PDB file of N, CA and C in Angstrom:
ATOM      1  N   MET A   1       8.339  13.126  16.434  1.00  0.00           N
ATOM      2  CA  MET A   1       8.261  11.727  16.097  1.00  0.00           C
ATOM      3  C   MET A   1       6.794  11.299  16.186  1.00  0.00           C
ATOM      4  N   ASN A   2       6.328  10.620  15.157  1.00  0.00           N
ATOM      5  CA  ASN A   2       4.945  10.163  15.194  1.00  0.00           C
ATOM      6  C   ASN A   2       4.880   8.637  15.123  1.00  0.00           C
ATOM      7  N   ALA A   3       3.703   8.105  15.341  1.00  0.00           N
ATOM      8  CA  ALA A   3       3.534   6.659  15.462  1.00  0.00           C
ATOM      9  C   ALA A   3       3.829   5.935  14.154  1.00  0.00           C
ATOM     10  N   THR A   4       3.555   6.555  13.019  1.00  0.00           N
ATOM     11  CA  THR A   4       3.815   5.862  11.754  1.00  0.00           C
ATOM     12  C   THR A   4       5.310   5.661  11.530  1.00  0.00           C
ATOM     13  N   GLU A   5       6.131   6.622  11.963  1.00  0.00           N
ATOM     14  CA  GLU A   5       7.582   6.458  11.871  1.00  0.00           C
ATOM     15  C   GLU A   5       8.046   5.328  12.781  1.00  0.00           C
ATOM     16  N   LEU A   6       7.437   5.241  13.951  1.00  0.00           N
ATOM     17  CA  LEU A   6       7.843   4.221  14.921  1.00  0.00           C
ATOM     18  C   LEU A   6       7.431   2.825  14.480  1.00  0.00           C
ATOM     19  N   LYS A   7       6.283   2.711  13.849  1.00  0.00           N
ATOM     20  CA  LYS A   7       5.806   1.397  13.420  1.00  0.00           C
ATOM     21  C   LYS A   7       6.693   0.801  12.339  1.00  0.00           C
ATOM     22  N   ALA A   8       7.418   1.651  11.621  1.00  0.00           N
ATOM     23  CA  ALA A   8       8.302   1.173  10.562  1.00  0.00           C
ATOM     24  C   ALA A   8       9.614   0.636  11.120  1.00  0.00           C
ATOM     25  N   LYS A   9       9.924   0.940  12.376  1.00  0.00           N
ATOM     26  CA  LYS A   9      11.188   0.512  12.968  1.00  0.00           C
ATOM     27  C   LYS A   9      11.058  -0.886  13.577  1.00  0.00           C
ATOM     28  N   THR A  10      12.198  -1.537  13.730  1.00  0.00           N
ATOM     29  CA  THR A  10      12.224  -2.854  14.361  1.00  0.00           C
ATOM     30  C   THR A  10      12.161  -2.687  15.877  1.00  0.00           C
ATOM     31  N   PRO A  11      11.780  -3.742  16.595  1.00  0.00           N
ATOM     32  CA  PRO A  11      11.747  -3.640  18.062  1.00  0.00           C
ATOM     33  C   PRO A  11      13.100  -3.276  18.677  1.00  0.00           C
ATOM     34  N   ASP A  12      14.197  -3.767  18.094  1.00  0.00           N
ATOM     35  CA  ASP A  12      15.516  -3.407  18.624  1.00  0.00           C
ATOM     36  C   ASP A  12      15.787  -1.919  18.469  1.00  0.00           C
ATOM     37  N   GLN A  13      15.418  -1.365  17.328  1.00  0.00           N
ATOM     38  CA  GLN A  13      15.602   0.074  17.115  1.00  0.00           C
ATOM     39  C   GLN A  13      14.743   0.867  18.090  1.00  0.00           C
ATOM     40  N   LEU A  14      13.528   0.381  18.337  1.00  0.00           N
ATOM     41  CA  LEU A  14      12.635   1.069  19.264  1.00  0.00           C
ATOM     42  C   LEU A  14      13.196   1.039  20.685  1.00  0.00           C
ATOM     43  N   ARG A  15      13.758  -0.095  21.079  1.00  0.00           N
ATOM     44  CA  ARG A  15      14.339  -0.191  22.422  1.00  0.00           C
ATOM     45  C   ARG A  15      15.536   0.753  22.566  1.00  0.00           C
ATOM     46  N   ASP A  16      16.345   0.861  21.522  1.00  0.00           N
ATOM     47  CA  ASP A  16      17.476   1.786  21.553  1.00  0.00           C
ATOM     48  C   ASP A  16      16.991   3.227  21.690  1.00  0.00           C
ATOM     49  N   GLU A  17      15.954   3.555  20.942  1.00  0.00           N
ATOM     50  CA  GLU A  17      15.369   4.898  21.007  1.00  0.00           C
ATOM     51  C   GLU A  17      14.795   5.162  22.398  1.00  0.00           C
ATOM     52  N   LEU A  18      14.183   4.139  22.982  1.00  0.00           N
ATOM     53  CA  LEU A  18      13.603   4.262  24.313  1.00  0.00           C
ATOM     54  C   LEU A  18      14.675   4.540  25.358  1.00  0.00           C
ATOM     55  N   VAL A  19      15.790   3.844  25.267  1.00  0.00           N
ATOM     56  CA  VAL A  19      16.901   4.064  26.200  1.00  0.00           C
ATOM     57  C   VAL A  19      17.420   5.495  26.072  1.00  0.00           C
ATOM     58  N   ALA A  20      17.567   5.954  24.842  1.00  0.00           N
ATOM     59  CA  ALA A  20      18.068   7.312  24.622  1.00  0.00           C
ATOM     60  C   ALA A  20      17.106   8.355  25.197  1.00  0.00           C
ATOM     61  N   LEU A  21      15.811   8.134  25.009  1.00  0.00           N
ATOM     62  CA  LEU A  21      14.834   9.094  25.522  1.00  0.00           C
ATOM     63  C   LEU A  21      14.784   9.080  27.042  1.00  0.00           C
ATOM     64  N   LYS A  22      14.944   7.917  27.643  1.00  0.00           N
ATOM     65  CA  LYS A  22      14.940   7.861  29.107  1.00  0.00           C
ATOM     66  C   LYS A  22      16.163   8.565  29.680  1.00  0.00           C
ATOM     67  N   LYS A  23      17.294   8.457  29.003  1.00  0.00           N
ATOM     68  CA  LYS A  23      18.485   9.188  29.438  1.00  0.00           C
ATOM     69  C   LYS A  23      18.258  10.689  29.321  1.00  0.00           C
ATOM     70  N   GLU A  24      17.627  11.091  28.222  1.00  0.00           N
ATOM     71  CA  GLU A  24      17.342  12.514  28.040  1.00  0.00           C
ATOM     72  C   GLU A  24      16.379  13.017  29.110  1.00  0.00           C
ATOM     73  N   ALA A  25      15.375  12.206  29.439  1.00  0.00           N
ATOM     74  CA  ALA A  25      14.426  12.600  30.480  1.00  0.00           C
ATOM     75  C   ALA A  25      15.130  12.762  31.822  1.00  0.00           C
ATOM     76  N   PHE A  26      16.054  11.857  32.114  1.00  0.00           N
ATOM     77  CA  PHE A  26      16.828  11.970  33.356  1.00  0.00           C
ATOM     78  C   PHE A  26      17.619  13.266  33.373  1.00  0.00           C
ATOM     79  N   ASN A  27      18.297  13.560  32.264  1.00  0.00           N
ATOM     80  CA  ASN A  27      19.090  14.790  32.182  1.00  0.00           C
ATOM     81  C   ASN A  27      18.217  16.026  32.320  1.00  0.00           C
ATOM     82  N   LEU A  28      17.026  16.000  31.738  1.00  0.00           N
ATOM     83  CA  LEU A  28      16.117  17.138  31.848  1.00  0.00           C
ATOM     84  C   LEU A  28      15.645  17.328  33.292  1.00  0.00           C
ATOM     85  N   ARG A  29      15.352  16.223  33.973  1.00  0.00           N
ATOM     86  CA  ARG A  29      14.949  16.329  35.382  1.00  0.00           C
ATOM     87  C   ARG A  29      16.090  16.898  36.225  1.00  0.00           C
ATOM     88  N   PHE A  30      17.296  16.482  35.916  1.00  0.00           N
ATOM     89  CA  PHE A  30      18.465  16.985  36.649  1.00  0.00           C
ATOM     90  C   PHE A  30      18.633  18.482  36.405  1.00  0.00           C
ATOM     91  N   GLN A  31      18.477  18.898  35.164  1.00  0.00           N
ATOM     92  CA  GLN A  31      18.590  20.325  34.839  1.00  0.00           C
ATOM     93  C   GLN A  31      17.507  21.128  35.555  1.00  0.00           C
ATOM     94  N   GLN A  32      16.300  20.567  35.629  1.00  0.00           N
ATOM     95  CA  GLN A  32      15.222  21.277  36.303  1.00  0.00           C
ATOM     96  C   GLN A  32      15.512  21.433  37.795  1.00  0.00           C
ATOM     97  N   ALA A  33      16.055  20.389  38.395  1.00  0.00           N
ATOM     98  CA  ALA A  33      16.351  20.429  39.828  1.00  0.00           C
ATOM     99  C   ALA A  33      17.439  21.441  40.139  1.00  0.00           C
ATOM    100  N   THR A  34      18.368  21.629  39.212  1.00  0.00           N
ATOM    101  CA  THR A  34      19.451  22.585  39.450  1.00  0.00           C
ATOM    102  C   THR A  34      19.138  23.978  38.915  1.00  0.00           C
ATOM    103  N   GLY A  35      17.971  24.137  38.323  1.00  0.00           N
ATOM    104  CA  GLY A  35      17.567  25.448  37.830  1.00  0.00           C
ATOM    105  C   GLY A  35      18.169  25.826  36.498  1.00  0.00           C
ATOM    106  N   GLN A  36      18.658  24.878  35.742  1.00  0.00           N
ATOM    107  CA  GLN A  36      19.291  25.164  34.461  1.00  0.00           C
ATOM    108  C   GLN A  36      18.402  24.862  33.264  1.00  0.00           C
ATOM    109  N   LEU A  37      17.214  24.329  33.498  1.00  0.00           N
ATOM    110  CA  LEU A  37      16.337  23.937  32.397  1.00  0.00           C
ATOM    111  C   LEU A  37      15.728  25.172  31.744  1.00  0.00           C
ATOM    112  N   GLU A  38      15.939  25.309  30.436  1.00  0.00           N
ATOM    113  CA  GLU A  38      15.401  26.462  29.717  1.00  0.00           C
ATOM    114  C   GLU A  38      14.111  26.116  28.981  1.00  0.00           C
ATOM    115  N   ASN A  39      14.082  24.939  28.347  1.00  0.00           N
ATOM    116  CA  ASN A  39      12.914  24.558  27.554  1.00  0.00           C
ATOM    117  C   ASN A  39      12.101  23.526  28.335  1.00  0.00           C
ATOM    118  N   THR A  40      11.155  24.010  29.137  1.00  0.00           N
ATOM    119  CA  THR A  40      10.377  23.107  29.979  1.00  0.00           C
ATOM    120  C   THR A  40       9.424  22.238  29.164  1.00  0.00           C
ATOM    121  N   ALA A  41       9.055  22.675  27.980  1.00  0.00           N
ATOM    122  CA  ALA A  41       8.134  21.907  27.141  1.00  0.00           C
ATOM    123  C   ALA A  41       8.796  20.628  26.633  1.00  0.00           C
ATOM    124  N   ARG A  42      10.118  20.607  26.610  1.00  0.00           N
ATOM    125  CA  ARG A  42      10.827  19.410  26.129  1.00  0.00           C
ATOM    126  C   ARG A  42      10.570  18.209  27.040  1.00  0.00           C
ATOM    127  N   MET A  43      10.394  18.459  28.344  1.00  0.00           N
ATOM    128  CA  MET A  43      10.113  17.363  29.281  1.00  0.00           C
ATOM    129  C   MET A  43       8.814  16.651  28.895  1.00  0.00           C
ATOM    130  N   ARG A  44       7.811  17.415  28.579  1.00  0.00           N
ATOM    131  CA  ARG A  44       6.520  16.843  28.202  1.00  0.00           C
ATOM    132  C   ARG A  44       6.646  16.066  26.896  1.00  0.00           C
ATOM    133  N   ALA A  45       7.374  16.619  25.944  1.00  0.00           N
ATOM    134  CA  ALA A  45       7.542  15.954  24.657  1.00  0.00           C
ATOM    135  C   ALA A  45       8.287  14.631  24.810  1.00  0.00           C
ATOM    136  N   VAL A  46       9.304  14.614  25.646  1.00  0.00           N
ATOM    137  CA  VAL A  46      10.073  13.380  25.864  1.00  0.00           C
ATOM    138  C   VAL A  46       9.203  12.333  26.537  1.00  0.00           C
ATOM    139  N   ARG A  47       8.434  12.746  27.539  1.00  0.00           N
ATOM    140  CA  ARG A  47       7.541  11.808  28.231  1.00  0.00           C
ATOM    141  C   ARG A  47       6.547  11.177  27.265  1.00  0.00           C
ATOM    142  N   ARG A  48       6.007  11.993  26.388  1.00  0.00           N
ATOM    143  CA  ARG A  48       5.032  11.486  25.422  1.00  0.00           C
ATOM    144  C   ARG A  48       5.673  10.589  24.375  1.00  0.00           C
ATOM    145  N   ASP A  49       6.905  10.919  23.981  1.00  0.00           N
ATOM    146  CA  ASP A  49       7.621  10.059  23.041  1.00  0.00           C
ATOM    147  C   ASP A  49       7.913   8.699  23.662  1.00  0.00           C
ATOM    148  N   VAL A  50       8.270   8.690  24.942  1.00  0.00           N
ATOM    149  CA  VAL A  50       8.511   7.422  25.640  1.00  0.00           C
ATOM    150  C   VAL A  50       7.233   6.591  25.647  1.00  0.00           C
ATOM    151  N   ALA A  51       6.122   7.212  25.969  1.00  0.00           N
ATOM    152  CA  ALA A  51       4.847   6.496  25.999  1.00  0.00           C
ATOM    153  C   ALA A  51       4.481   5.981  24.611  1.00  0.00           C
ATOM    154  N   ARG A  52       4.741   6.787  23.592  1.00  0.00           N
ATOM    155  CA  ARG A  52       4.435   6.392  22.225  1.00  0.00           C
ATOM    156  C   ARG A  52       5.249   5.160  21.813  1.00  0.00           C
ATOM    157  N   ILE A  53       6.526   5.150  22.163  1.00  0.00           N
ATOM    158  CA  ILE A  53       7.383   4.016  21.825  1.00  0.00           C
ATOM    159  C   ILE A  53       6.934   2.771  22.578  1.00  0.00           C
ATOM    160  N   GLN A  54       6.602   2.919  23.843  1.00  0.00           N
ATOM    161  CA  GLN A  54       6.144   1.767  24.619  1.00  0.00           C
ATOM    162  C   GLN A  54       4.851   1.203  24.056  1.00  0.00           C
ATOM    163  N   THR A  55       3.971   2.063  23.591  1.00  0.00           N
ATOM    164  CA  THR A  55       2.722   1.615  22.999  1.00  0.00           C
ATOM    165  C   THR A  55       2.987   0.814  21.730  1.00  0.00           C
ATOM    166  N   VAL A  56       3.862   1.307  20.872  1.00  0.00           N
ATOM    167  CA  VAL A  56       4.177   0.604  19.626  1.00  0.00           C
ATOM    168  C   VAL A  56       4.850  -0.732  19.926  1.00  0.00           C
ATOM    169  N   LEU A  57       5.747  -0.759  20.912  1.00  0.00           N
ATOM    170  CA  LEU A  57       6.398  -2.018  21.295  1.00  0.00           C
ATOM    171  C   LEU A  57       5.370  -3.031  21.790  1.00  0.00           C
ATOM    172  N   ASN A  58       4.416  -2.588  22.593  1.00  0.00           N
ATOM    173  CA  ASN A  58       3.369  -3.482  23.091  1.00  0.00           C
ATOM    174  C   ASN A  58       2.485  -3.983  21.962  1.00  0.00           C
ATOM    175  N   GLN A  59       2.188  -3.126  20.996  1.00  0.00           N
ATOM    176  CA  GLN A  59       1.384  -3.536  19.859  1.00  0.00           C
ATOM    177  C   GLN A  59       2.111  -4.596  19.030  1.00  0.00           C
ATOM    178  N   LYS A  60       3.421  -4.386  18.827  1.00  0.00           N
ATOM    179  CA  LYS A  60       4.210  -5.350  18.067  1.00  0.00           C
ATOM    180  C   LYS A  60       4.289  -6.690  18.809  1.00  0.00           C
ATOM    181  N   ALA A  61       4.424  -6.650  20.124  1.00  0.00           N
ATOM    182  CA  ALA A  61       4.491  -7.878  20.918  1.00  0.00           C
ATOM    183  C   ALA A  61       3.168  -8.625  20.868  1.00  0.00           C
ATOM    184  N   ALA A  62       2.063  -7.892  20.942  1.00  0.00           N
ATOM    185  CA  ALA A  62       0.752  -8.529  20.865  1.00  0.00           C
ATOM    186  C   ALA A  62       0.512  -9.143  19.500  1.00  0.00           C
ATOM    187  N   ALA A  63       0.963  -8.465  18.459  1.00  0.00           N
ATOM    188  CA  ALA A  63       0.796  -8.990  17.105  1.00  0.00           C
ATOM    189  C   ALA A  63       1.649 -10.248  16.913  1.00  0.00           C
ATOM    190  N   ALA A  64       2.838 -10.268  17.496  1.00  0.00           N
ATOM    191  CA  ALA A  64       3.712 -11.432  17.383  1.00  0.00           C
ATOM    192  C   ALA A  64       3.129 -12.615  18.160  1.00  0.00           C
ATOM    193  N   ALA A  65       2.503 -12.326  19.302  1.00  0.00           N
ATOM    194  CA  ALA A  65       1.918 -13.390  20.109  1.00  0.00           C
ATOM    195  C   ALA A  65       0.664 -13.960  19.452  1.00  0.00           C
ATOM    196  N   ALA A  66      -0.038 -13.134  18.684  1.00  0.00           N
ATOM    197  CA  ALA A  66      -1.259 -13.595  18.022  1.00  0.00           C
ATOM    198  C   ALA A  66      -0.967 -14.494  16.833  1.00  0.00           C
ATOM    199  N   ASN A  67       0.209 -14.378  16.281  1.00  0.00           N
ATOM    200  CA  ASN A  67       0.554 -15.197  15.101  1.00  0.00           C
ATOM    201  C   ASN A  67       1.113 -16.510  15.465  1.00  0.00           C
TER     202      ASN A  67
END
């Protein structure tokens, strides 16, 4: 997922995506704690996707406040 795809989405869609990614991050942490995690790189990708979505949401909020 890249920033241009995220900028095309509405804030509600972004929040839904954010909730889904946070659930996935929780599940990945749980798998790691129990020793079942196979793809450790996925944790990093999910963390970065969460940050990317939060950045786009903040940009949209700032743009809305400026208008």
